[in-house]
Amino acid sequence: MLVPTMVESSCMESARKITVEVPAALLEKAQRASGRGITQTVRNGLELLAASQAYERMRQFRGKIRFSRTAAALKDDR
């Protein structure tokens, strides 16, 4: 169950306050993995989920893009 409302966060971005029902064991496992509180754990999970779509699109280009520099040249450029 989600109950959204709009609030302003400290960094002046628009944020939504939500109420989410999740299994207690799943939340505890996620919090142990993140080492953070509930809010930051949920935020991290949402960020990872959003990023996974971008990663999938990038994976589709694997082996299809040719670079003008070699990996060794890029390493030397550090």
Protein backbone atom coordinates (compact mmCIF):
# COMPACT_ATOMS: atom_id res chain seq x y z
CA MET A 1 0.00 0.00 0.00
CA LEU A 2 1.42 3.40 -0.99
CA VAL A 3 0.17 6.70 0.39
CA PRO A 4 2.01 9.55 -1.39
CA THR A 5 2.17 13.19 -0.34
CA MET A 6 4.42 16.01 -1.54
CA VAL A 7 7.03 17.56 0.77
CA GLU A 8 10.08 19.75 0.26
CA SER A 9 13.38 18.10 1.12
CA SER A 10 16.38 19.88 2.61
CA CYS A 11 18.10 20.17 -0.78
CA MET A 12 15.14 22.09 -2.23
CA GLU A 13 14.01 19.23 -4.48
CA SER A 14 10.44 18.12 -4.63
CA ALA A 15 10.07 14.86 -2.73
CA ARG A 16 7.19 12.50 -2.08
CA LYS A 17 6.48 11.14 1.34
CA ILE A 18 5.09 7.62 1.05
CA THR A 19 3.88 4.87 3.31
CA VAL A 20 4.99 1.43 2.16
CA GLU A 21 4.14 -1.96 3.58
CA VAL A 22 7.06 -4.37 3.20
CA PRO A 23 7.82 -7.71 4.82
CA ALA A 24 9.76 -7.13 8.05
CA ALA A 25 12.37 -9.76 7.16
CA LEU A 26 13.04 -8.12 3.78
CA LEU A 27 13.46 -4.68 5.35
CA GLU A 28 15.78 -6.04 8.05
CA LYS A 29 17.87 -7.88 5.46
CA ALA A 30 18.12 -4.75 3.29
CA GLN A 31 19.06 -2.60 6.28
CA ARG A 32 21.79 -5.05 7.30
CA ALA A 33 23.14 -4.99 3.76
CA SER A 34 23.11 -1.19 3.53
CA GLY A 35 24.10 -0.46 7.12
CA ARG A 36 21.63 2.44 7.07
CA GLY A 37 18.23 3.39 8.42
CA ILE A 38 14.88 2.67 6.82
CA THR A 39 14.62 5.85 4.73
CA GLN A 40 18.12 5.66 3.26
CA THR A 41 17.76 1.92 2.64
CA VAL A 42 14.54 2.48 0.66
CA ARG A 43 16.11 5.39 -1.24
CA ASN A 44 19.15 3.27 -2.14
CA GLY A 45 16.91 0.47 -3.34
CA LEU A 46 14.88 2.83 -5.52
CA GLU A 47 18.05 4.37 -6.96
CA LEU A 48 19.44 0.92 -7.81
CA LEU A 49 16.19 -0.09 -9.46
CA ALA A 50 16.11 3.11 -11.53
CA ALA A 51 19.76 2.68 -12.52
CA SER A 52 19.28 -0.95 -13.55
CA GLN A 53 17.29 0.14 -16.61
CA ALA A 54 20.14 2.42 -17.71
CA TYR A 55 22.66 -0.40 -17.14
CA GLU A 56 20.57 -2.73 -19.28
CA ARG A 57 20.49 -0.20 -22.13
CA MET A 58 24.26 0.19 -21.86
CA ARG A 59 24.76 -3.59 -21.94
CA GLN A 60 23.00 -3.69 -25.31
CA PHE A 61 25.93 -1.69 -26.75
CA ARG A 62 28.53 -4.17 -25.51
CA GLY A 63 30.88 -4.98 -28.38
CA LYS A 64 29.13 -2.56 -30.75
CA ILE A 65 31.04 0.64 -29.99
CA ARG A 66 34.60 1.14 -31.18
CA PHE A 67 36.82 3.49 -29.21
CA SER A 68 39.64 5.52 -30.72
CA ARG A 69 41.90 4.82 -27.72
CA THR A 70 42.99 1.52 -26.25
CA ALA A 71 42.46 0.53 -22.64
CA ALA A 72 46.23 0.82 -22.10
CA ALA A 73 46.22 4.40 -23.46
CA LEU A 74 43.35 5.31 -21.17
CA LYS A 75 45.24 3.85 -18.21
CA ASP A 76 48.37 5.83 -19.07
CA ASP A 77 46.30 9.01 -19.23
CA ARG A 78 45.45 8.89 -15.50
